[in-house]
PDB file of all heavy atoms in Angstrom:
ATOM      1  N   ARG A   1      98.839 112.143 107.061  1.00  0.00           N
ATOM      2  CA  ARG A   1      99.870 111.700 106.240  1.00  0.00           C
ATOM      3  C   ARG A   1     101.229 112.525 106.661  1.00  0.00           C
ATOM      4  O   ARG A   1     101.073 113.629 106.981  1.00  0.00           O
ATOM      5  CB  ARG A   1      99.602 112.005 104.687  1.00  0.00           C
ATOM      6  CG  ARG A   1      98.380 111.072 104.272  1.00  0.00           C
ATOM      7  CD  ARG A   1      97.961 111.386 102.883  1.00  0.00           C
ATOM      8  NE  ARG A   1      99.198 111.198 101.993  1.00  0.00           N
ATOM      9  CZ  ARG A   1      99.471 112.008 101.080  1.00  0.00           C
ATOM     10  NH1 ARG A   1      98.561 113.139 100.664  1.00  0.00           N
ATOM     11  NH2 ARG A   1     100.428 111.842 100.311  1.00  0.00           N
ATOM     12  N   PHE A   2     102.280 111.751 106.453  1.00  0.00           N
ATOM     13  CA  PHE A   2     103.493 112.390 106.823  1.00  0.00           C
ATOM     14  C   PHE A   2     104.623 112.026 105.821  1.00  0.00           C
ATOM     15  O   PHE A   2     104.580 110.803 105.283  1.00  0.00           O
ATOM     16  CB  PHE A   2     104.071 111.885 108.304  1.00  0.00           C
ATOM     17  CG  PHE A   2     103.174 112.313 109.311  1.00  0.00           C
ATOM     18  CD1 PHE A   2     102.108 111.485 109.606  1.00  0.00           C
ATOM     19  CD2 PHE A   2     103.229 113.466 110.042  1.00  0.00           C
ATOM     20  CE1 PHE A   2     101.070 111.840 110.710  1.00  0.00           C
ATOM     21  CE2 PHE A   2     102.370 113.796 111.001  1.00  0.00           C
ATOM     22  CZ  PHE A   2     101.264 112.958 111.340  1.00  0.00           C
ATOM     23  N   GLU A   3     105.533 112.909 105.619  1.00  0.00           N
ATOM     24  CA  GLU A   3     106.680 112.502 104.836  1.00  0.00           C
ATOM     25  C   GLU A   3     107.998 112.414 105.689  1.00  0.00           C
ATOM     26  O   GLU A   3     108.202 113.463 106.442  1.00  0.00           O
ATOM     27  CB  GLU A   3     106.896 113.631 103.636  1.00  0.00           C
ATOM     28  CG  GLU A   3     108.053 113.319 102.747  1.00  0.00           C
ATOM     29  CD  GLU A   3     108.192 114.343 101.662  1.00  0.00           C
ATOM     30  OE1 GLU A   3     108.578 115.389 101.936  1.00  0.00           O
ATOM     31  OE2 GLU A   3     107.847 113.969 100.486  1.00  0.00           O
ATOM     32  N   VAL A   4     108.652 111.388 105.562  1.00  0.00           N
ATOM     33  CA  VAL A   4     109.894 111.158 106.293  1.00  0.00           C
ATOM     34  C   VAL A   4     111.036 111.147 105.400  1.00  0.00           C
ATOM     35  O   VAL A   4     110.979 110.385 104.402  1.00  0.00           O
ATOM     36  CB  VAL A   4     109.864 109.891 107.127  1.00  0.00           C
ATOM     37  CG1 VAL A   4     111.175 109.767 107.954  1.00  0.00           C
ATOM     38  CG2 VAL A   4     108.654 109.781 108.062  1.00  0.00           C
ATOM     39  N   ARG A   5     112.024 111.926 105.492  1.00  0.00           N
ATOM     40  CA  ARG A   5     113.294 112.001 104.661  1.00  0.00           C
ATOM     41  C   ARG A   5     114.316 111.070 105.383  1.00  0.00           C
ATOM     42  O   ARG A   5     115.266 111.761 105.850  1.00  0.00           O
ATOM     43  CB  ARG A   5     113.630 113.431 104.393  1.00  0.00           C
ATOM     44  CG  ARG A   5     112.701 114.118 103.549  1.00  0.00           C
ATOM     45  CD  ARG A   5     113.091 115.588 103.317  1.00  0.00           C
ATOM     46  NE  ARG A   5     112.248 116.360 104.215  1.00  0.00           N
ATOM     47  CZ  ARG A   5     112.559 117.413 104.864  1.00  0.00           C
ATOM     48  NH1 ARG A   5     113.701 117.962 104.705  1.00  0.00           N
ATOM     49  NH2 ARG A   5     111.641 118.044 105.675  1.00  0.00           N
ATOM     50  N   ASN A   6     114.148 109.843 105.284  1.00  0.00           N
ATOM     51  CA  ASN A   6     115.168 108.971 105.947  1.00  0.00           C
ATOM     52  C   ASN A   6     116.327 108.677 105.183  1.00  0.00           C
ATOM     53  O   ASN A   6     117.362 108.281 105.705  1.00  0.00           O
ATOM     54  CB  ASN A   6     114.429 107.697 106.318  1.00  0.00           C
ATOM     55  CG  ASN A   6     113.904 106.891 105.180  1.00  0.00           C
ATOM     56  OD1 ASN A   6     113.075 107.450 104.413  1.00  0.00           O
ATOM     57  ND2 ASN A   6     114.286 105.701 104.939  1.00  0.00           N
ATOM     58  N   GLY A   7     116.299 108.905 103.771  1.00  0.00           N
ATOM     59  CA  GLY A   7     117.514 108.644 103.042  1.00  0.00           C
ATOM     60  C   GLY A   7     118.618 109.493 103.328  1.00  0.00           C
ATOM     61  O   GLY A   7     119.753 109.094 102.930  1.00  0.00           O
ATOM     62  N   THR A   8     118.463 110.551 103.892  1.00  0.00           N
ATOM     63  CA  THR A   8     119.640 111.463 104.267  1.00  0.00           C
ATOM     64  C   THR A   8     120.237 111.002 105.493  1.00  0.00           C
ATOM     65  O   THR A   8     121.488 111.387 105.710  1.00  0.00           O
ATOM     66  CB  THR A   8     119.136 112.991 104.568  1.00  0.00           C
ATOM     67  OG1 THR A   8     118.203 112.860 105.482  1.00  0.00           O
ATOM     68  CG2 THR A   8     118.454 113.643 103.278  1.00  0.00           C
ATOM     69  N   VAL A   9     119.690 110.088 106.242  1.00  0.00           N
ATOM     70  CA  VAL A   9     120.200 109.569 107.510  1.00  0.00           C
ATOM     71  C   VAL A   9     120.760 108.136 107.262  1.00  0.00           C
ATOM     72  O   VAL A   9     121.876 107.880 107.875  1.00  0.00           O
ATOM     73  CB  VAL A   9     119.083 109.548 108.560  1.00  0.00           C
ATOM     74  CG1 VAL A   9     119.624 109.034 109.877  1.00  0.00           C
ATOM     75  CG2 VAL A   9     118.596 111.020 108.736  1.00  0.00           C
ATOM     76  N   TRP A  10     120.034 107.420 106.641  1.00  0.00           N
ATOM     77  CA  TRP A  10     120.303 105.875 106.436  1.00  0.00           C
ATOM     78  C   TRP A  10     120.214 105.378 105.076  1.00  0.00           C
ATOM     79  O   TRP A  10     119.209 105.734 104.431  1.00  0.00           O
ATOM     80  CB  TRP A  10     119.424 105.123 107.368  1.00  0.00           C
ATOM     81  CG  TRP A  10     119.782 103.851 107.943  1.00  0.00           C
ATOM     82  CD1 TRP A  10     119.158 102.625 107.554  1.00  0.00           C
ATOM     83  CD2 TRP A  10     120.895 103.489 108.746  1.00  0.00           C
ATOM     84  NE1 TRP A  10     119.767 101.622 108.322  1.00  0.00           N
ATOM     85  CE2 TRP A  10     120.923 102.169 108.889  1.00  0.00           C
ATOM     86  CE3 TRP A  10     121.981 104.183 109.434  1.00  0.00           C
ATOM     87  CZ2 TRP A  10     121.731 101.408 109.666  1.00  0.00           C
ATOM     88  CZ3 TRP A  10     122.890 103.438 110.133  1.00  0.00           C
ATOM     89  CH2 TRP A  10     122.699 102.120 110.294  1.00  0.00           C
ATOM     90  N   LYS A  11     121.101 104.617 104.594  1.00  0.00           N
ATOM     91  CA  LYS A  11     121.219 104.210 103.271  1.00  0.00           C
ATOM     92  C   LYS A  11     120.608 102.849 102.922  1.00  0.00           C
ATOM     93  O   LYS A  11     120.992 102.299 101.812  1.00  0.00           O
ATOM     94  CB  LYS A  11     122.593 104.318 102.712  1.00  0.00           C
ATOM     95  CG  LYS A  11     123.188 105.762 102.703  1.00  0.00           C
ATOM     96  CD  LYS A  11     122.312 106.665 101.914  1.00  0.00           C
ATOM     97  CE  LYS A  11     122.869 108.097 102.140  1.00  0.00           C
ATOM     98  NZ  LYS A  11     122.085 109.222 101.505  1.00  0.00           N
ATOM     99  N   ARG A  12     119.880 102.202 103.857  1.00  0.00           N
ATOM    100  CA  ARG A  12     119.357 100.913 103.632  1.00  0.00           C
ATOM    101  C   ARG A  12     118.055 100.764 104.294  1.00  0.00           C
ATOM    102  O   ARG A  12     117.693 101.482 105.252  1.00  0.00           O
ATOM    103  CB  ARG A  12     120.289  99.722 104.078  1.00  0.00           C
ATOM    104  CG  ARG A  12     120.371  99.752 105.651  1.00  0.00           C
ATOM    105  CD  ARG A  12     121.304  98.663 105.967  1.00  0.00           C
ATOM    106  NE  ARG A  12     121.137  98.486 107.515  1.00  0.00           N
ATOM    107  CZ  ARG A  12     122.088  97.921 108.225  1.00  0.00           C
ATOM    108  NH1 ARG A  12     123.158  97.487 107.769  1.00  0.00           N
ATOM    109  NH2 ARG A  12     121.811  97.955 109.580  1.00  0.00           N
ATOM    110  N   PRO A  13     117.002  99.812 103.653  1.00  0.00           N
ATOM    111  CA  PRO A  13     115.681  99.715 104.445  1.00  0.00           C
ATOM    112  C   PRO A  13     115.921  99.215 105.840  1.00  0.00           C
ATOM    113  O   PRO A  13     116.747  98.361 106.072  1.00  0.00           O
ATOM    114  CB  PRO A  13     115.174  98.579 103.668  1.00  0.00           C
ATOM    115  CG  PRO A  13     115.823  98.575 102.290  1.00  0.00           C
ATOM    116  CD  PRO A  13     117.297  98.936 102.628  1.00  0.00           C
ATOM    117  N   ASP A  14     115.209  99.820 106.803  1.00  0.00           N
ATOM    118  CA  ASP A  14     115.274  99.472 108.160  1.00  0.00           C
ATOM    119  C   ASP A  14     114.057 100.008 108.966  1.00  0.00           C
ATOM    120  O   ASP A  14     113.227 100.767 108.422  1.00  0.00           O
ATOM    121  CB  ASP A  14     116.455 100.009 108.816  1.00  0.00           C
ATOM    122  CG  ASP A  14     117.303  98.941 109.350  1.00  0.00           C
ATOM    123  OD1 ASP A  14     116.812  97.852 109.846  1.00  0.00           O
ATOM    124  OD2 ASP A  14     118.598  99.037 109.189  1.00  0.00           O
ATOM    125  N   ASN A  15     113.825  99.546 110.122  1.00  0.00           N
ATOM    126  CA  ASN A  15     112.729  99.773 110.862  1.00  0.00           C
ATOM    127  C   ASN A  15     112.808 101.177 111.581  1.00  0.00           C
ATOM    128  O   ASN A  15     113.944 101.420 112.103  1.00  0.00           O
ATOM    129  CB  ASN A  15     112.333  98.812 111.961  1.00  0.00           C
ATOM    130  CG  ASN A  15     111.838  97.577 111.411  1.00  0.00           C
ATOM    131  OD1 ASN A  15     111.209  97.564 110.370  1.00  0.00           O
ATOM    132  ND2 ASN A  15     111.894  96.379 112.084  1.00  0.00           N
ATOM    133  N   TRP A  16     111.901 101.958 111.522  1.00  0.00           N
ATOM    134  CA  TRP A  16     111.889 103.252 112.171  1.00  0.00           C
ATOM    135  C   TRP A  16     110.611 103.387 113.041  1.00  0.00           C
ATOM    136  O   TRP A  16     109.638 102.792 112.778  1.00  0.00           O
ATOM    137  CB  TRP A  16     111.629 104.341 111.069  1.00  0.00           C
ATOM    138  CG  TRP A  16     112.929 104.596 110.290  1.00  0.00           C
ATOM    139  CD1 TRP A  16     113.521 103.829 109.375  1.00  0.00           C
ATOM    140  CD2 TRP A  16     113.690 105.839 110.317  1.00  0.00           C
ATOM    141  NE1 TRP A  16     114.587 104.472 108.798  1.00  0.00           N
ATOM    142  CE2 TRP A  16     114.763 105.691 109.382  1.00  0.00           C
ATOM    143  CE3 TRP A  16     113.565 106.980 110.953  1.00  0.00           C
ATOM    144  CZ2 TRP A  16     115.704 106.561 109.125  1.00  0.00           C
ATOM    145  CZ3 TRP A  16     114.665 107.960 110.812  1.00  0.00           C
ATOM    146  CH2 TRP A  16     115.622 107.783 109.837  1.00  0.00           C
ATOM    147  N   ALA A  17     110.778 104.300 114.116  1.00  0.00           N
ATOM    148  CA  ALA A  17     109.753 104.464 114.998  1.00  0.00           C
ATOM    149  C   ALA A  17     109.323 105.889 114.788  1.00  0.00           C
ATOM    150  O   ALA A  17     109.902 106.814 114.806  1.00  0.00           O
ATOM    151  CB  ALA A  17     110.207 104.409 116.558  1.00  0.00           C
ATOM    152  N   LEU A  18     107.996 105.881 114.397  1.00  0.00           N
ATOM    153  CA  LEU A  18     107.263 107.223 114.180  1.00  0.00           C
ATOM    154  C   LEU A  18     106.357 107.470 115.511  1.00  0.00           C
ATOM    155  O   LEU A  18     105.556 106.744 115.822  1.00  0.00           O
ATOM    156  CB  LEU A  18     106.427 107.209 112.969  1.00  0.00           C
ATOM    157  CG  LEU A  18     107.221 106.753 111.639  1.00  0.00           C
ATOM    158  CD1 LEU A  18     106.255 106.809 110.607  1.00  0.00           C
ATOM    159  CD2 LEU A  18     108.269 107.665 111.377  1.00  0.00           C
ATOM    160  N   SER A  19     106.686 108.500 116.196  1.00  0.00           N
ATOM    161  CA  SER A  19     106.135 108.853 117.461  1.00  0.00           C
ATOM    162  C   SER A  19     105.132 110.144 117.261  1.00  0.00           C
ATOM    163  O   SER A  19     105.575 111.085 116.529  1.00  0.00           O
ATOM    164  CB  SER A  19     106.927 109.184 118.580  1.00  0.00           C
ATOM    165  OG  SER A  19     107.914 108.044 118.669  1.00  0.00           O
ATOM    166  N   PHE A  20     103.954 110.202 117.805  1.00  0.00           N
ATOM    167  CA  PHE A  20     102.979 111.168 117.630  1.00  0.00           C
ATOM    168  C   PHE A  20     102.426 111.663 118.941  1.00  0.00           C
ATOM    169  O   PHE A  20     102.293 110.913 119.838  1.00  0.00           O
ATOM    170  CB  PHE A  20     101.901 110.854 116.758  1.00  0.00           C
ATOM    171  CG  PHE A  20     102.388 110.296 115.340  1.00  0.00           C
ATOM    172  CD1 PHE A  20     102.590 109.002 115.068  1.00  0.00           C
ATOM    173  CD2 PHE A  20     102.814 111.265 114.352  1.00  0.00           C
ATOM    174  CE1 PHE A  20     103.047 108.499 113.928  1.00  0.00           C
ATOM    175  CE2 PHE A  20     103.395 110.737 113.102  1.00  0.00           C
ATOM    176  CZ  PHE A  20     103.377 109.300 112.918  1.00  0.00           C
ATOM    177  N   ALA A  21     102.036 112.855 118.927  1.00  0.00           N
ATOM    178  CA  ALA A  21     101.204 113.467 120.030  1.00  0.00           C
ATOM    179  C   ALA A  21     100.100 114.345 119.393  1.00  0.00           C
ATOM    180  O   ALA A  21     100.361 114.978 118.493  1.00  0.00           O
ATOM    181  CB  ALA A  21     101.951 114.294 120.968  1.00  0.00           C
ATOM    182  N   ALA A  22      98.853 114.114 119.902  1.00  0.00           N
ATOM    183  CA  ALA A  22      97.739 114.791 119.196  1.00  0.00           C
ATOM    184  C   ALA A  22      96.664 115.374 120.218  1.00  0.00           C
ATOM    185  O   ALA A  22      96.567 114.797 121.406  1.00  0.00           O
ATOM    186  CB  ALA A  22      97.016 113.803 118.265  1.00  0.00           C
ATOM    187  N   LYS A  23      96.111 116.283 119.807  1.00  0.00           N
ATOM    188  CA  LYS A  23      95.036 116.899 120.758  1.00  0.00           C
ATOM    189  C   LYS A  23      93.753 116.551 119.868  1.00  0.00           C
ATOM    190  O   LYS A  23      93.641 116.651 118.774  1.00  0.00           O
ATOM    191  CB  LYS A  23      95.187 118.574 120.845  1.00  0.00           C
ATOM    192  CG  LYS A  23      96.310 118.937 121.595  1.00  0.00           C
ATOM    193  CD  LYS A  23      96.097 118.671 123.054  1.00  0.00           C
ATOM    194  CE  LYS A  23      97.053 119.199 124.023  1.00  0.00           C
ATOM    195  NZ  LYS A  23      96.831 118.998 125.382  1.00  0.00           N
ATOM    196  N   ILE A  24      92.845 116.055 120.734  1.00  0.00           N
ATOM    197  CA  ILE A  24      91.491 115.724 120.215  1.00  0.00           C
ATOM    198  C   ILE A  24      90.405 116.506 120.843  1.00  0.00           C
ATOM    199  O   ILE A  24      90.362 116.620 121.983  1.00  0.00           O
ATOM    200  CB  ILE A  24      91.226 114.244 120.361  1.00  0.00           C
ATOM    201  CG1 ILE A  24      92.367 113.371 119.752  1.00  0.00           C
ATOM    202  CG2 ILE A  24      89.896 113.679 119.873  1.00  0.00           C
ATOM    203  CD1 ILE A  24      92.214 111.836 120.012  1.00  0.00           C
ATOM    204  N   GLN A  25      89.550 117.079 120.018  1.00  0.00           N
ATOM    205  CA  GLN A  25      88.496 117.871 120.494  1.00  0.00           C
ATOM    206  C   GLN A  25      87.578 117.103 121.566  1.00  0.00           C
ATOM    207  O   GLN A  25      87.212 115.935 121.245  1.00  0.00           O
ATOM    208  CB  GLN A  25      87.602 118.504 119.327  1.00  0.00           C
ATOM    209  CG  GLN A  25      86.444 119.395 119.877  1.00  0.00           C
ATOM    210  CD  GLN A  25      85.780 119.901 118.725  1.00  0.00           C
ATOM    211  OE1 GLN A  25      85.906 119.597 117.509  1.00  0.00           O
ATOM    212  NE2 GLN A  25      84.742 120.731 118.930  1.00  0.00           N
ATOM    213  N   GLY A  26      87.344 117.701 122.722  1.00  0.00           N
ATOM    214  CA  GLY A  26      86.534 117.205 123.669  1.00  0.00           C
ATOM    215  C   GLY A  26      87.334 116.304 124.703  1.00  0.00           C
ATOM    216  O   GLY A  26      86.858 115.724 125.717  1.00  0.00           O
ATOM    217  N   GLU A  27      88.612 116.032 124.501  1.00  0.00           N
ATOM    218  CA  GLU A  27      89.555 115.279 125.307  1.00  0.00           C
ATOM    219  C   GLU A  27      90.475 116.296 126.117  1.00  0.00           C
ATOM    220  O   GLU A  27      91.107 117.079 125.394  1.00  0.00           O
ATOM    221  CB  GLU A  27      90.238 114.200 124.660  1.00  0.00           C
ATOM    222  CG  GLU A  27      89.462 113.105 123.929  1.00  0.00           C
ATOM    223  CD  GLU A  27      88.798 112.286 125.059  1.00  0.00           C
ATOM    224  OE1 GLU A  27      88.997 112.398 126.183  1.00  0.00           O
ATOM    225  OE2 GLU A  27      87.819 111.509 124.480  1.00  0.00           O
ATOM    226  N   ALA A  28      90.505 116.083 127.437  1.00  0.00           N
ATOM    227  CA  ALA A  28      91.579 116.940 128.148  1.00  0.00           C
ATOM    228  C   ALA A  28      92.889 116.722 128.056  1.00  0.00           C
ATOM    229  O   ALA A  28      93.770 117.689 127.839  1.00  0.00           O
ATOM    230  CB  ALA A  28      91.184 116.857 129.742  1.00  0.00           C
ATOM    231  N   GLY A  29      93.340 115.439 127.734  1.00  0.00           N
ATOM    232  CA  GLY A  29      94.741 115.154 127.734  1.00  0.00           C
ATOM    233  C   GLY A  29      95.229 115.079 126.178  1.00  0.00           C
ATOM    234  O   GLY A  29      94.576 115.205 125.310  1.00  0.00           O
ATOM    235  N   THR A  30      96.631 114.855 126.162  1.00  0.00           N
ATOM    236  CA  THR A  30      97.064 114.680 124.799  1.00  0.00           C
ATOM    237  C   THR A  30      97.321 113.283 124.616  1.00  0.00           C
ATOM    238  O   THR A  30      97.677 112.485 125.487  1.00  0.00           O
ATOM    239  CB  THR A  30      98.596 115.414 124.866  1.00  0.00           C
ATOM    240  OG1 THR A  30      98.408 116.813 125.155  1.00  0.00           O
ATOM    241  CG2 THR A  30      99.255 115.201 123.550  1.00  0.00           C
ATOM    242  N   VAL A  31      96.981 112.831 123.480  1.00  0.00           N
ATOM    243  CA  VAL A  31      97.003 111.394 123.144  1.00  0.00           C
ATOM    244  C   VAL A  31      98.407 111.196 122.383  1.00  0.00           C
ATOM    245  O   VAL A  31      98.891 111.922 121.666  1.00  0.00           O
ATOM    246  CB  VAL A  31      96.028 111.057 122.017  1.00  0.00           C
ATOM    247  CG1 VAL A  31      96.214 109.609 121.441  1.00  0.00           C
ATOM    248  CG2 VAL A  31      94.635 111.232 122.621  1.00  0.00           C
ATOM    249  N   THR A  32      99.217 110.197 122.807  1.00  0.00           N
ATOM    250  CA  THR A  32     100.517 109.926 122.354  1.00  0.00           C
ATOM    251  C   THR A  32     100.559 108.511 121.906  1.00  0.00           C
ATOM    252  O   THR A  32      99.797 107.656 122.362  1.00  0.00           O
ATOM    253  CB  THR A  32     101.539 110.135 123.371  1.00  0.00           C
ATOM    254  OG1 THR A  32     101.393 109.167 124.666  1.00  0.00           O
ATOM    255  CG2 THR A  32     101.612 111.550 123.745  1.00  0.00           C
ATOM    256  N   GLY A  33     101.390 108.153 120.918  1.00  0.00           N
ATOM    257  CA  GLY A  33     101.680 106.825 120.453  1.00  0.00           C
ATOM    258  C   GLY A  33     102.696 106.750 119.420  1.00  0.00           C
ATOM    259  O   GLY A  33     103.150 107.722 119.130  1.00  0.00           O
ATOM    260  N   ASN A  34     103.036 105.484 119.126  1.00  0.00           N
ATOM    261  CA  ASN A  34     104.043 105.335 118.151  1.00  0.00           C
ATOM    262  C   ASN A  34     103.589 104.106 117.207  1.00  0.00           C
ATOM    263  O   ASN A  34     102.873 103.349 117.443  1.00  0.00           O
ATOM    264  CB  ASN A  34     105.434 105.222 118.646  1.00  0.00           C
ATOM    265  CG  ASN A  34     105.547 103.973 119.403  1.00  0.00           C
ATOM    266  OD1 ASN A  34     104.823 103.063 119.384  1.00  0.00           O
ATOM    267  ND2 ASN A  34     106.876 103.864 120.118  1.00  0.00           N
ATOM    268  N   VAL A  35     104.238 104.195 115.943  1.00  0.00           N
ATOM    269  CA  VAL A  35     104.078 103.155 115.113  1.00  0.00           C
ATOM    270  C   VAL A  35     105.540 102.812 114.534  1.00  0.00           C
ATOM    271  O   VAL A  35     106.304 103.639 114.364  1.00  0.00           O
ATOM    272  CB  VAL A  35     103.286 103.628 113.812  1.00  0.00           C
ATOM    273  CG1 VAL A  35     103.179 102.698 112.752  1.00  0.00           C
ATOM    274  CG2 VAL A  35     101.873 103.962 114.268  1.00  0.00           C
ATOM    275  N   ILE A  36     105.693 101.468 114.332  1.00  0.00           N
ATOM    276  CA  ILE A  36     107.100 100.999 113.688  1.00  0.00           C
ATOM    277  C   ILE A  36     106.825 100.651 112.346  1.00  0.00           C
ATOM    278  O   ILE A  36     105.842  99.887 112.100  1.00  0.00           O
ATOM    279  CB  ILE A  36     107.600  99.814 114.525  1.00  0.00           C
ATOM    280  CG1 ILE A  36     107.657  99.913 116.126  1.00  0.00           C
ATOM    281  CG2 ILE A  36     108.884  99.258 113.997  1.00  0.00           C
ATOM    282  CD1 ILE A  36     108.488 101.143 116.563  1.00  0.00           C
ATOM    283  N   VAL A  37     107.707 101.187 111.543  1.00  0.00           N
ATOM    284  CA  VAL A  37     107.373 100.884 110.089  1.00  0.00           C
ATOM    285  C   VAL A  37     108.835 100.706 109.359  1.00  0.00           C
ATOM    286  O   VAL A  37     109.664 101.447 109.714  1.00  0.00           O
ATOM    287  CB  VAL A  37     106.648 102.103 109.380  1.00  0.00           C
ATOM    288  CG1 VAL A  37     107.421 103.445 109.497  1.00  0.00           C
ATOM    289  CG2 VAL A  37     106.399 101.969 107.914  1.00  0.00           C
ATOM    290  N   LYS A  38     108.801  99.914 108.302  1.00  0.00           N
ATOM    291  CA  LYS A  38     110.133  99.687 107.580  1.00  0.00           C
ATOM    292  C   LYS A  38     110.077 100.752 106.388  1.00  0.00           C
ATOM    293  O   LYS A  38     109.153 100.775 105.660  1.00  0.00           O
ATOM    294  CB  LYS A  38     110.211  98.268 106.996  1.00  0.00           C
ATOM    295  CG  LYS A  38     111.622  97.977 106.364  1.00  0.00           C
ATOM    296  CD  LYS A  38     111.615  96.487 106.163  1.00  0.00           C
ATOM    297  CE  LYS A  38     113.109  96.170 106.218  1.00  0.00           C
ATOM    298  NZ  LYS A  38     113.311  94.796 106.567  1.00  0.00           N
ATOM    299  N   LEU A  39     111.110 101.540 106.479  1.00  0.00           N
ATOM    300  CA  LEU A  39     111.257 102.533 105.399  1.00  0.00           C
ATOM    301  C   LEU A  39     112.558 102.297 104.537  1.00  0.00           C
ATOM    302  O   LEU A  39     113.462 101.713 104.998  1.00  0.00           O
ATOM    303  CB  LEU A  39     111.482 103.887 106.111  1.00  0.00           C
ATOM    304  CG  LEU A  39     110.293 104.399 106.946  1.00  0.00           C
ATOM    305  CD1 LEU A  39     110.666 105.799 107.605  1.00  0.00           C
ATOM    306  CD2 LEU A  39     108.998 104.459 106.256  1.00  0.00           C
ATOM    307  N   SER A  40     112.387 102.668 103.336  1.00  0.00           N
ATOM    308  CA  SER A  40     113.353 102.468 102.322  1.00  0.00           C
ATOM    309  C   SER A  40     114.035 103.723 101.989  1.00  0.00           C
ATOM    310  O   SER A  40     113.372 104.783 102.012  1.00  0.00           O
ATOM    311  CB  SER A  40     112.875 101.897 101.047  1.00  0.00           C
ATOM    312  OG  SER A  40     112.431 100.617 101.269  1.00  0.00           O
TER     313      SER A  40
END
């Protein structure tokens, strides 16, 4: 879970890209990815 404080940046509902990098036990590399979500 994550909290995004988008209301301080933009005053209308719109699409945002949330990008992540994670370390997973047993995996040598870093897992990266993103999700597009409409935030109000």
